[in-house]
N, C-alpha and C. Protein backbone atom coordinates (compact mmCIF):
# COMPACT_ATOMS: atom_id res chain seq x y z
N UNK A 1 0.85 -1.18 0.00
CA UNK A 1 0.00 0.00 0.00
C UNK A 1 0.89 1.23 0.00
N UNK A 2 0.62 2.16 -0.90
CA UNK A 2 1.40 3.39 -0.95
C UNK A 2 0.70 4.46 -0.12
N UNK A 3 1.39 5.59 0.09
CA UNK A 3 0.84 6.68 0.87
C UNK A 3 -0.38 7.30 0.19
N UNK A 4 -1.23 7.94 0.99
CA UNK A 4 -2.45 8.52 0.46
C UNK A 4 -2.93 9.63 1.38
N UNK A 5 -3.50 10.67 0.80
CA UNK A 5 -4.15 11.73 1.56
C UNK A 5 -5.65 11.60 1.34
N UNK A 6 -6.41 11.64 2.41
CA UNK A 6 -7.87 11.59 2.32
C UNK A 6 -8.41 12.94 2.78
N UNK A 7 -9.10 13.63 1.92
CA UNK A 7 -9.74 14.90 2.26
C UNK A 7 -11.03 14.60 3.01
N UNK A 8 -11.29 15.38 4.08
CA UNK A 8 -12.46 15.15 4.91
C UNK A 8 -13.73 15.12 4.08
N UNK A 9 -13.86 16.09 3.17
CA UNK A 9 -15.10 16.18 2.38
C UNK A 9 -15.26 15.02 1.39
N UNK A 10 -14.17 14.30 1.14
CA UNK A 10 -14.24 13.16 0.23
C UNK A 10 -14.42 11.83 0.96
N UNK A 11 -14.24 11.84 2.27
CA UNK A 11 -14.40 10.61 3.05
C UNK A 11 -15.89 10.33 3.23
N UNK A 12 -16.30 9.13 2.94
CA UNK A 12 -17.71 8.77 3.01
C UNK A 12 -18.20 8.71 4.45
N UNK A 13 -19.23 9.49 4.80
CA UNK A 13 -19.80 9.38 6.15
C UNK A 13 -20.68 8.12 6.23
N UNK A 14 -20.50 7.38 7.32
CA UNK A 14 -21.27 6.15 7.54
C UNK A 14 -21.94 6.26 8.90
N UNK A 15 -23.28 6.19 8.92
CA UNK A 15 -23.99 6.21 10.20
C UNK A 15 -23.92 4.80 10.79
N UNK A 16 -23.12 4.67 11.85
CA UNK A 16 -22.92 3.38 12.50
C UNK A 16 -24.10 3.00 13.38
N UNK A 17 -24.60 3.98 14.08
CA UNK A 17 -25.73 3.86 15.00
C UNK A 17 -26.47 5.18 14.92
N UNK A 18 -27.70 5.27 15.42
CA UNK A 18 -28.40 6.56 15.40
C UNK A 18 -27.56 7.65 16.08
N UNK A 19 -27.27 8.70 15.33
CA UNK A 19 -26.51 9.82 15.88
C UNK A 19 -25.01 9.62 15.97
N UNK A 20 -24.50 8.53 15.39
CA UNK A 20 -23.06 8.23 15.43
C UNK A 20 -22.58 8.02 13.99
N UNK A 21 -21.73 8.95 13.52
CA UNK A 21 -21.25 8.91 12.13
C UNK A 21 -19.73 8.84 12.12
N UNK A 22 -19.19 7.92 11.31
CA UNK A 22 -17.73 7.79 11.20
C UNK A 22 -17.28 8.12 9.78
N UNK A 23 -16.05 8.60 9.70
CA UNK A 23 -15.36 8.78 8.42
C UNK A 23 -13.98 8.17 8.58
N UNK A 24 -13.58 7.33 7.62
CA UNK A 24 -12.23 6.77 7.63
C UNK A 24 -11.33 7.78 6.92
N UNK A 25 -10.34 8.30 7.66
CA UNK A 25 -9.48 9.36 7.13
C UNK A 25 -8.06 8.91 6.85
N UNK A 26 -7.67 7.77 7.39
CA UNK A 26 -6.33 7.26 7.14
C UNK A 26 -6.31 5.76 7.31
N UNK A 27 -5.58 5.07 6.44
CA UNK A 27 -5.58 3.61 6.48
C UNK A 27 -4.25 3.08 5.94
N UNK A 28 -3.62 2.21 6.72
CA UNK A 28 -2.48 1.44 6.25
C UNK A 28 -2.80 -0.03 6.54
N UNK A 29 -1.86 -0.90 6.25
CA UNK A 29 -2.07 -2.31 6.56
C UNK A 29 -2.14 -2.55 8.07
N UNK A 30 -1.58 -1.62 8.88
CA UNK A 30 -1.49 -1.84 10.33
C UNK A 30 -2.30 -0.87 11.18
N UNK A 31 -2.72 0.29 10.63
CA UNK A 31 -3.43 1.30 11.42
C UNK A 31 -4.61 1.85 10.65
N UNK A 32 -5.60 2.33 11.41
CA UNK A 32 -6.76 2.99 10.82
C UNK A 32 -7.08 4.23 11.66
N UNK A 33 -7.30 5.36 10.98
CA UNK A 33 -7.65 6.62 11.63
C UNK A 33 -9.07 7.00 11.24
N UNK A 34 -9.91 7.26 12.25
CA UNK A 34 -11.30 7.62 12.02
C UNK A 34 -11.65 8.93 12.69
N UNK A 35 -12.61 9.64 12.11
CA UNK A 35 -13.29 10.71 12.82
C UNK A 35 -14.67 10.15 13.17
N UNK A 36 -15.07 10.35 14.41
CA UNK A 36 -16.39 9.93 14.89
C UNK A 36 -17.13 11.18 15.36
N UNK A 37 -18.33 11.39 14.83
CA UNK A 37 -19.20 12.49 15.28
C UNK A 37 -20.40 11.88 15.97
N UNK A 38 -20.65 12.35 17.19
CA UNK A 38 -21.79 11.88 17.97
C UNK A 38 -22.72 13.05 18.25
N UNK A 39 -24.00 12.84 18.02
CA UNK A 39 -24.98 13.85 18.38
C UNK A 39 -25.27 13.73 19.88
N UNK A 40 -25.68 14.84 20.48
CA UNK A 40 -26.04 14.82 21.90
C UNK A 40 -27.04 13.71 22.16
N UNK A 41 -26.76 12.90 23.17
CA UNK A 41 -27.64 11.80 23.54
C UNK A 41 -27.33 10.49 22.86
N UNK A 42 -26.46 10.49 21.85
CA UNK A 42 -26.12 9.25 21.14
C UNK A 42 -25.31 8.33 22.06
N UNK A 43 -25.57 7.03 21.92
CA UNK A 43 -24.88 6.04 22.74
C UNK A 43 -24.30 4.93 21.86
N UNK A 44 -23.06 4.58 22.14
CA UNK A 44 -22.45 3.38 21.56
C UNK A 44 -22.54 2.33 22.67
N UNK A 45 -23.35 1.28 22.47
CA UNK A 45 -23.55 0.32 23.56
C UNK A 45 -22.28 -0.46 23.90
N UNK A 46 -22.30 -1.04 25.08
CA UNK A 46 -21.17 -1.82 25.59
C UNK A 46 -20.82 -2.92 24.59
N UNK A 47 -19.55 -3.02 24.26
CA UNK A 47 -19.06 -4.01 23.31
C UNK A 47 -17.57 -4.20 23.53
N UNK A 48 -17.00 -5.19 22.86
CA UNK A 48 -15.56 -5.42 22.88
C UNK A 48 -15.15 -5.91 21.49
N UNK A 49 -13.90 -5.68 21.15
CA UNK A 49 -13.33 -6.15 19.89
C UNK A 49 -11.85 -6.41 20.12
N UNK A 50 -11.21 -7.16 19.25
CA UNK A 50 -9.79 -7.50 19.47
C UNK A 50 -8.82 -6.36 19.17
N UNK A 51 -9.30 -5.27 18.60
CA UNK A 51 -8.44 -4.16 18.18
C UNK A 51 -8.10 -3.24 19.34
N UNK A 52 -6.84 -2.80 19.42
CA UNK A 52 -6.49 -1.71 20.32
C UNK A 52 -7.12 -0.44 19.76
N UNK A 53 -7.61 0.42 20.64
CA UNK A 53 -8.28 1.65 20.24
C UNK A 53 -7.78 2.79 21.11
N UNK A 54 -7.29 3.84 20.48
CA UNK A 54 -6.92 5.05 21.20
C UNK A 54 -7.63 6.21 20.53
N UNK A 55 -7.92 7.23 21.32
CA UNK A 55 -8.65 8.36 20.76
C UNK A 55 -8.40 9.65 21.49
N UNK A 56 -9.02 10.68 20.94
CA UNK A 56 -8.82 12.06 21.40
C UNK A 56 -10.13 12.80 21.18
N UNK A 57 -10.60 13.51 22.20
CA UNK A 57 -11.83 14.29 22.06
C UNK A 57 -11.46 15.67 21.50
N UNK A 58 -11.98 15.97 20.33
CA UNK A 58 -11.74 17.27 19.70
C UNK A 58 -12.69 18.31 20.30
N UNK A 59 -13.97 17.96 20.38
CA UNK A 59 -14.97 18.89 20.93
C UNK A 59 -16.09 18.10 21.56
N UNK A 60 -16.82 18.77 22.45
CA UNK A 60 -17.96 18.15 23.11
C UNK A 60 -17.56 17.42 24.36
N UNK A 61 -18.44 16.51 24.77
CA UNK A 61 -18.20 15.73 25.98
C UNK A 61 -18.78 14.33 25.80
N UNK A 62 -18.01 13.33 26.20
CA UNK A 62 -18.42 11.94 26.09
C UNK A 62 -18.12 11.25 27.41
N UNK A 63 -19.08 10.46 27.88
CA UNK A 63 -18.84 9.62 29.05
C UNK A 63 -18.52 8.22 28.53
N UNK A 64 -17.29 7.79 28.80
CA UNK A 64 -16.85 6.46 28.40
C UNK A 64 -17.01 5.51 29.58
N UNK A 65 -17.46 4.32 29.30
CA UNK A 65 -17.39 3.22 30.25
C UNK A 65 -16.32 2.29 29.68
N UNK A 66 -15.24 2.15 30.43
CA UNK A 66 -14.13 1.28 30.01
C UNK A 66 -13.92 0.28 31.14
N UNK A 67 -14.23 -0.98 30.84
CA UNK A 67 -14.22 -1.97 31.92
C UNK A 67 -15.29 -1.59 32.91
N UNK A 68 -14.91 -1.38 34.17
CA UNK A 68 -15.89 -0.99 35.20
C UNK A 68 -15.77 0.48 35.59
N UNK A 69 -15.05 1.28 34.80
CA UNK A 69 -14.88 2.71 35.09
C UNK A 69 -15.75 3.56 34.18
N UNK A 70 -16.38 4.59 34.75
CA UNK A 70 -17.06 5.62 33.97
C UNK A 70 -16.20 6.86 34.00
N UNK A 71 -15.83 7.36 32.83
CA UNK A 71 -14.89 8.47 32.73
C UNK A 71 -15.47 9.54 31.82
N UNK A 72 -15.58 10.76 32.31
CA UNK A 72 -16.09 11.89 31.53
C UNK A 72 -14.90 12.54 30.82
N UNK A 73 -14.99 12.66 29.49
CA UNK A 73 -13.90 13.23 28.71
C UNK A 73 -14.40 14.43 27.91
N UNK A 74 -13.59 15.47 27.87
CA UNK A 74 -13.90 16.68 27.12
C UNK A 74 -12.76 17.02 26.18
N UNK A 75 -12.83 18.19 25.56
CA UNK A 75 -11.83 18.61 24.58
C UNK A 75 -10.40 18.49 25.13
N UNK A 76 -9.57 17.83 24.35
CA UNK A 76 -8.17 17.66 24.73
C UNK A 76 -7.88 16.38 25.47
N UNK A 77 -8.92 15.66 25.92
CA UNK A 77 -8.70 14.42 26.65
C UNK A 77 -8.48 13.26 25.69
N UNK A 78 -7.55 12.40 26.04
CA UNK A 78 -7.27 11.20 25.26
C UNK A 78 -7.67 9.96 26.05
N UNK A 79 -7.83 8.85 25.35
CA UNK A 79 -8.21 7.61 26.00
C UNK A 79 -7.58 6.44 25.25
N UNK A 80 -7.41 5.33 25.96
CA UNK A 80 -6.83 4.12 25.38
C UNK A 80 -7.63 2.92 25.87
N UNK A 81 -8.02 2.07 24.93
CA UNK A 81 -8.82 0.89 25.26
C UNK A 81 -8.11 -0.32 24.65
N UNK A 82 -7.52 -1.16 25.48
CA UNK A 82 -6.85 -2.35 24.94
C UNK A 82 -7.86 -3.29 24.28
N UNK A 83 -7.41 -4.02 23.29
CA UNK A 83 -8.26 -5.02 22.65
C UNK A 83 -8.84 -5.97 23.68
N UNK A 84 -10.11 -6.35 23.49
CA UNK A 84 -10.76 -7.30 24.37
C UNK A 84 -11.44 -6.70 25.58
N UNK A 85 -11.24 -5.41 25.87
CA UNK A 85 -11.84 -4.76 27.03
C UNK A 85 -13.21 -4.20 26.64
N UNK A 86 -14.24 -4.54 27.40
CA UNK A 86 -15.58 -4.02 27.13
C UNK A 86 -15.62 -2.52 27.38
N UNK A 87 -16.35 -1.81 26.50
CA UNK A 87 -16.44 -0.37 26.62
C UNK A 87 -17.71 0.13 25.94
N UNK A 88 -18.09 1.36 26.30
CA UNK A 88 -19.27 2.02 25.73
C UNK A 88 -19.00 3.51 25.76
N UNK A 89 -19.86 4.27 25.07
CA UNK A 89 -19.72 5.73 25.05
C UNK A 89 -21.09 6.37 24.98
N UNK A 90 -21.22 7.53 25.64
CA UNK A 90 -22.46 8.30 25.60
C UNK A 90 -22.10 9.78 25.47
N UNK A 91 -22.62 10.42 24.43
CA UNK A 91 -22.36 11.85 24.22
C UNK A 91 -23.38 12.68 25.01
N UNK A 92 -22.89 13.53 25.89
CA UNK A 92 -23.78 14.40 26.66
C UNK A 92 -24.17 15.63 25.84
N UNK A 93 -23.30 16.01 24.91
CA UNK A 93 -23.54 17.10 23.95
C UNK A 93 -22.94 16.63 22.62
N UNK A 94 -23.17 17.37 21.54
CA UNK A 94 -22.53 17.01 20.27
C UNK A 94 -21.02 16.90 20.49
N UNK A 95 -20.41 15.88 19.90
CA UNK A 95 -18.99 15.63 20.12
C UNK A 95 -18.31 15.16 18.84
N UNK A 96 -17.01 15.48 18.74
CA UNK A 96 -16.17 15.00 17.64
C UNK A 96 -14.95 14.33 18.26
N UNK A 97 -14.69 13.09 17.81
CA UNK A 97 -13.56 12.31 18.30
C UNK A 97 -12.67 11.92 17.13
N UNK A 98 -11.40 11.72 17.41
CA UNK A 98 -10.49 11.10 16.45
C UNK A 98 -10.04 9.80 17.10
N UNK A 99 -10.14 8.69 16.35
CA UNK A 99 -9.77 7.39 16.90
C UNK A 99 -8.84 6.64 15.96
N UNK A 100 -7.96 5.84 16.57
CA UNK A 100 -7.02 5.00 15.83
C UNK A 100 -7.23 3.56 16.29
N UNK A 101 -7.28 2.65 15.33
CA UNK A 101 -7.42 1.22 15.61
C UNK A 101 -6.22 0.47 15.07
N UNK A 102 -5.76 -0.50 15.87
CA UNK A 102 -4.70 -1.42 15.44
C UNK A 102 -5.13 -2.82 15.81
N UNK A 103 -5.17 -3.75 14.89
CA UNK A 103 -5.09 -3.54 13.45
C UNK A 103 -6.35 -2.86 12.94
N UNK A 104 -6.37 -2.45 11.68
CA UNK A 104 -7.57 -1.82 11.13
C UNK A 104 -8.79 -2.73 11.26
N UNK A 105 -9.93 -2.13 11.46
CA UNK A 105 -11.19 -2.88 11.51
C UNK A 105 -11.68 -3.10 10.09
N UNK A 106 -11.70 -4.33 9.66
CA UNK A 106 -12.09 -4.65 8.29
C UNK A 106 -13.49 -4.12 7.95
N UNK A 107 -14.41 -4.17 8.92
CA UNK A 107 -15.77 -3.74 8.66
C UNK A 107 -15.89 -2.21 8.52
N UNK A 108 -14.83 -1.48 8.83
CA UNK A 108 -14.84 -0.01 8.71
C UNK A 108 -14.12 0.47 7.46
N UNK A 109 -13.57 -0.41 6.67
CA UNK A 109 -12.82 0.01 5.48
C UNK A 109 -13.74 0.66 4.47
């Protein structure tokens, strides 16, 4: 795979869940970079996957449940979720996140 630039306006928005939209902005054989937009009140239910996931809150506020911890994150806060750990997210207001997955999630390509 060679290098590539993905323009935000050219990245296809995909509604994953009601009020949760992702755009794939970067992809290699080993990493995937996504933008996630959540509308106020949107929830990503508790789930787990084998991929490591790290992220950064650009704007808004999200309450993450990671394992048995509830953590409120706002602009500038980062988070890390090891593969296999159950987690969920709830947006208290409109929010924008940047997330990286290793390895890439095939279903998000």
